[in-house]
Every structure is written in C-alpha cells, then in structure tokens.
Amino acid sequence: MCVHSYRSSQPDHWVQPRPHRDASLRRQAYGKVRPMHEPSWFERLLGRA
C-alpha cells in the first residue's frame, strides 16, 4: 500500500481567519440583517414581532 501525503508551506484556506469587513460592505453584498424568526402575517397585522 502506498501512502501519499501532500505538504505545503501554506496552510489550507479554510483554516485562515476571514479578513474584517465593514458592516456597510456586508450590507451592500448581502442586504439587511433579517431576524431568525419571521413574524407571521397575523403577527405583522397586530404589530407583534
């Protein structure tokens, strides 16, 4: 059985922390922050969130 391993001086990209992004840039890319629970039509009608 032959075991091959790959070694690199660079760590894998998913191990690297992501660079900081300004909140306005995030909003441009993904839109407004939305709640985890979307209120139902009835809850919105009554003004409860």
PDB file of N, CA and C in Angstrom:
ATOM      1  N   MET A   1       0.851  -1.180   0.000  1.00  0.00           N
ATOM      2  CA  MET A   1       0.000   0.000   0.000  1.00  0.00           C
ATOM      3  C   MET A   1       0.893   1.238   0.000  1.00  0.00           C
ATOM      4  N   CYS A   2       0.563   2.167  -0.846  1.00  0.00           N
ATOM      5  CA  CYS A   2       1.360   3.385  -0.973  1.00  0.00           C
ATOM      6  C   CYS A   2       0.581   4.547  -0.351  1.00  0.00           C
ATOM      7  N   VAL A   3       1.187   5.224   0.589  1.00  0.00           N
ATOM      8  CA  VAL A   3       0.526   6.341   1.257  1.00  0.00           C
ATOM      9  C   VAL A   3       1.204   7.627   0.806  1.00  0.00           C
ATOM     10  N   HIS A   4       0.424   8.472   0.164  1.00  0.00           N
ATOM     11  CA  HIS A   4       0.938   9.755  -0.298  1.00  0.00           C
ATOM     12  C   HIS A   4       0.397  10.848   0.615  1.00  0.00           C
ATOM     13  N   SER A   5       1.242  11.768   0.959  1.00  0.00           N
ATOM     14  CA  SER A   5       0.777  12.918   1.723  1.00  0.00           C
ATOM     15  C   SER A   5       1.260  14.174   1.020  1.00  0.00           C
ATOM     16  N   TYR A   6       0.457  15.191   1.111  1.00  0.00           N
ATOM     17  CA  TYR A   6       0.763  16.455   0.459  1.00  0.00           C
ATOM     18  C   TYR A   6       1.079  17.475   1.540  1.00  0.00           C
ATOM     19  N   ARG A   7       2.234  18.061   1.463  1.00  0.00           N
ATOM     20  CA  ARG A   7       2.612  19.083   2.441  1.00  0.00           C
ATOM     21  C   ARG A   7       2.931  20.375   1.709  1.00  0.00           C
ATOM     22  N   SER A   8       2.502  21.455   2.304  1.00  0.00           N
ATOM     23  CA  SER A   8       2.735  22.764   1.722  1.00  0.00           C
ATOM     24  C   SER A   8       3.123  23.720   2.838  1.00  0.00           C
ATOM     25  N   SER A   9       3.851  24.753   2.478  1.00  0.00           N
ATOM     26  CA  SER A   9       4.208  25.747   3.483  1.00  0.00           C
ATOM     27  C   SER A   9       3.014  26.645   3.810  1.00  0.00           C
ATOM     28  N   GLN A  10       2.040  26.692   2.914  1.00  0.00           N
ATOM     29  CA  GLN A  10       0.840  27.497   3.143  1.00  0.00           C
ATOM     30  C   GLN A  10      -0.226  26.643   3.826  1.00  0.00           C
ATOM     31  N   PRO A  11      -0.845  27.132   4.902  1.00  0.00           N
ATOM     32  CA  PRO A  11      -1.955  26.375   5.496  1.00  0.00           C
ATOM     33  C   PRO A  11      -3.173  26.408   4.568  1.00  0.00           C
ATOM     34  N   ASP A  12      -4.082  25.485   4.766  1.00  0.00           N
ATOM     35  CA  ASP A  12      -5.287  25.429   3.945  1.00  0.00           C
ATOM     36  C   ASP A  12      -6.103  26.701   4.114  1.00  0.00           C
ATOM     37  N   HIS A  13      -6.816  27.092   3.046  1.00  0.00           N
ATOM     38  CA  HIS A  13      -7.538  28.370   3.078  1.00  0.00           C
ATOM     39  C   HIS A  13      -8.688  28.369   4.079  1.00  0.00           C
ATOM     40  N   TRP A  14      -9.297  27.217   4.365  1.00  0.00           N
ATOM     41  CA  TRP A  14     -10.424  27.207   5.307  1.00  0.00           C
ATOM     42  C   TRP A  14      -9.972  27.317   6.762  1.00  0.00           C
ATOM     43  N   VAL A  15      -8.663  27.220   6.996  1.00  0.00           N
ATOM     44  CA  VAL A  15      -8.129  27.356   8.349  1.00  0.00           C
ATOM     45  C   VAL A  15      -7.849  28.824   8.665  1.00  0.00           C
ATOM     46  N   GLN A  16      -7.624  29.612   7.636  1.00  0.00           N
ATOM     47  CA  GLN A  16      -7.292  31.026   7.819  1.00  0.00           C
ATOM     48  C   GLN A  16      -8.514  31.810   8.305  1.00  0.00           C
ATOM     49  N   PRO A  17      -8.332  32.736   9.260  1.00  0.00           N
ATOM     50  CA  PRO A  17      -9.461  33.584   9.652  1.00  0.00           C
ATOM     51  C   PRO A  17      -9.823  34.528   8.508  1.00  0.00           C
ATOM     52  N   ARG A  18     -11.099  34.848   8.425  1.00  0.00           N
ATOM     53  CA  ARG A  18     -11.539  35.742   7.357  1.00  0.00           C
ATOM     54  C   ARG A  18     -11.153  37.175   7.695  1.00  0.00           C
ATOM     55  N   PRO A  19     -10.803  37.973   6.697  1.00  0.00           N
ATOM     56  CA  PRO A  19     -10.466  39.368   6.968  1.00  0.00           C
ATOM     57  C   PRO A  19     -11.702  40.147   7.423  1.00  0.00           C
ATOM     58  N   HIS A  20     -11.474  41.213   8.186  1.00  0.00           N
ATOM     59  CA  HIS A  20     -12.562  42.048   8.685  1.00  0.00           C
ATOM     60  C   HIS A  20     -13.237  42.763   7.526  1.00  0.00           C
ATOM     61  N   ARG A  21     -14.554  42.784   7.537  1.00  0.00           N
ATOM     62  CA  ARG A  21     -15.312  43.548   6.547  1.00  0.00           C
ATOM     63  C   ARG A  21     -16.168  44.558   7.283  1.00  0.00           C
ATOM     64  N   ASP A  22     -16.188  45.755   6.773  1.00  0.00           N
ATOM     65  CA  ASP A  22     -17.004  46.808   7.354  1.00  0.00           C
ATOM     66  C   ASP A  22     -18.487  46.434   7.217  1.00  0.00           C
ATOM     67  N   ALA A  23     -19.298  46.854   8.166  1.00  0.00           N
ATOM     68  CA  ALA A  23     -20.715  46.497   8.159  1.00  0.00           C
ATOM     69  C   ALA A  23     -21.424  47.025   6.914  1.00  0.00           C
ATOM     70  N   SER A  24     -21.044  48.196   6.435  1.00  0.00           N
ATOM     71  CA  SER A  24     -21.696  48.743   5.241  1.00  0.00           C
ATOM     72  C   SER A  24     -21.369  47.912   4.004  1.00  0.00           C
ATOM     73  N   LEU A  25     -20.156  47.363   3.931  1.00  0.00           N
ATOM     74  CA  LEU A  25     -19.804  46.492   2.802  1.00  0.00           C
ATOM     75  C   LEU A  25     -20.582  45.183   2.880  1.00  0.00           C
ATOM     76  N   ARG A  26     -20.758  44.660   4.097  1.00  0.00           N
ATOM     77  CA  ARG A  26     -21.546  43.449   4.263  1.00  0.00           C
ATOM     78  C   ARG A  26     -22.997  43.684   3.852  1.00  0.00           C
ATOM     79  N   ARG A  27     -23.533  44.837   4.223  1.00  0.00           N
ATOM     80  CA  ARG A  27     -24.913  45.159   3.882  1.00  0.00           C
ATOM     81  C   ARG A  27     -25.083  45.309   2.376  1.00  0.00           C
ATOM     82  N   GLN A  28     -24.084  45.901   1.704  1.00  0.00           N
ATOM     83  CA  GLN A  28     -24.153  46.019   0.245  1.00  0.00           C
ATOM     84  C   GLN A  28     -24.181  44.646  -0.411  1.00  0.00           C
ATOM     85  N   ALA A  29     -23.389  43.725   0.098  1.00  0.00           N
ATOM     86  CA  ALA A  29     -23.282  42.400  -0.516  1.00  0.00           C
ATOM     87  C   ALA A  29     -24.483  41.517  -0.201  1.00  0.00           C
ATOM     88  N   TYR A  30     -24.989  41.544   1.043  1.00  0.00           N
ATOM     89  CA  TYR A  30     -25.989  40.570   1.479  1.00  0.00           C
ATOM     90  C   TYR A  30     -27.333  41.168   1.858  1.00  0.00           C
ATOM     91  N   GLY A  31     -27.445  42.486   1.931  1.00  0.00           N
ATOM     92  CA  GLY A  31     -28.711  43.098   2.314  1.00  0.00           C
ATOM     93  C   GLY A  31     -28.830  43.248   3.826  1.00  0.00           C
ATOM     94  N   LYS A  32     -30.017  43.683   4.258  1.00  0.00           N
ATOM     95  CA  LYS A  32     -30.252  43.916   5.677  1.00  0.00           C
ATOM     96  C   LYS A  32     -30.162  42.630   6.474  1.00  0.00           C
ATOM     97  N   VAL A  33     -29.825  42.778   7.755  1.00  0.00           N
ATOM     98  CA  VAL A  33     -29.840  41.643   8.672  1.00  0.00           C
ATOM     99  C   VAL A  33     -31.299  41.302   8.950  1.00  0.00           C
ATOM    100  N   ARG A  34     -31.650  40.038   8.756  1.00  0.00           N
ATOM    101  CA  ARG A  34     -33.023  39.600   8.963  1.00  0.00           C
ATOM    102  C   ARG A  34     -33.104  38.737  10.206  1.00  0.00           C
ATOM    103  N   PRO A  35     -34.230  38.812  10.938  1.00  0.00           N
ATOM    104  CA  PRO A  35     -34.363  38.012  12.156  1.00  0.00           C
ATOM    105  C   PRO A  35     -34.443  36.526  11.831  1.00  0.00           C
ATOM    106  N   MET A  36     -34.086  35.699  12.810  1.00  0.00           N
ATOM    107  CA  MET A  36     -34.167  34.254  12.625  1.00  0.00           C
ATOM    108  C   MET A  36     -35.626  33.815  12.464  1.00  0.00           C
ATOM    109  N   HIS A  37     -36.516  34.447  13.213  1.00  0.00           N
ATOM    110  CA  HIS A  37     -37.934  34.099  13.163  1.00  0.00           C
ATOM    111  C   HIS A  37     -38.673  35.207  12.427  1.00  0.00           C
ATOM    112  N   GLU A  38     -39.209  34.884  11.265  1.00  0.00           N
ATOM    113  CA  GLU A  38     -40.006  35.860  10.527  1.00  0.00           C
ATOM    114  C   GLU A  38     -41.403  35.891  11.149  1.00  0.00           C
ATOM    115  N   PRO A  39     -41.913  37.073  11.491  1.00  0.00           N
ATOM    116  CA  PRO A  39     -43.270  37.123  12.045  1.00  0.00           C
ATOM    117  C   PRO A  39     -44.291  36.699  10.988  1.00  0.00           C
ATOM    118  N   SER A  40     -45.333  36.046  11.427  1.00  0.00           N
ATOM    119  CA  SER A  40     -46.380  35.610  10.502  1.00  0.00           C
ATOM    120  C   SER A  40     -47.183  36.825  10.036  1.00  0.00           C
ATOM    121  N   TRP A  41     -48.039  36.580   9.056  1.00  0.00           N
ATOM    122  CA  TRP A  41     -48.865  37.658   8.529  1.00  0.00           C
ATOM    123  C   TRP A  41     -49.743  38.234   9.639  1.00  0.00           C
ATOM    124  N   PHE A  42     -50.286  37.359  10.485  1.00  0.00           N
ATOM    125  CA  PHE A  42     -51.157  37.803  11.570  1.00  0.00           C
ATOM    126  C   PHE A  42     -50.376  38.605  12.609  1.00  0.00           C
ATOM    127  N   GLU A  43     -49.161  38.164  12.935  1.00  0.00           N
ATOM    128  CA  GLU A  43     -48.328  38.903  13.900  1.00  0.00           C
ATOM    129  C   GLU A  43     -47.961  40.280  13.355  1.00  0.00           C
ATOM    130  N   ARG A  44     -47.671  40.345  12.065  1.00  0.00           N
ATOM    131  CA  ARG A  44     -47.365  41.651  11.465  1.00  0.00           C
ATOM    132  C   ARG A  44     -48.592  42.547  11.464  1.00  0.00           C
ATOM    133  N   LEU A  45     -49.763  41.958  11.239  1.00  0.00           N
ATOM    134  CA  LEU A  45     -51.001  42.726  11.231  1.00  0.00           C
ATOM    135  C   LEU A  45     -51.266  43.345  12.601  1.00  0.00           C
ATOM    136  N   LEU A  46     -51.004  42.578  13.667  1.00  0.00           N
ATOM    137  CA  LEU A  46     -51.227  43.072  15.027  1.00  0.00           C
ATOM    138  C   LEU A  46     -50.057  43.892  15.557  1.00  0.00           C
ATOM    139  N   GLY A  47     -48.958  43.932  14.840  1.00  0.00           N
ATOM    140  CA  GLY A  47     -47.806  44.713  15.265  1.00  0.00           C
ATOM    141  C   GLY A  47     -46.941  44.027  16.290  1.00  0.00           C
ATOM    142  N   ARG A  48     -47.063  42.714  16.423  1.00  0.00           N
ATOM    143  CA  ARG A  48     -46.226  41.959  17.369  1.00  0.00           C
ATOM    144  C   ARG A  48     -45.098  41.301  16.598  1.00  0.00           C
ATOM    145  N   ALA A  49     -43.906  41.396  17.172  1.00  0.00           N
ATOM    146  CA  ALA A  49     -42.771  40.779  16.481  1.00  0.00           C
ATOM    147  C   ALA A  49     -42.079  39.761  17.322  1.00  0.00           C
TER     148      ALA A  49
END
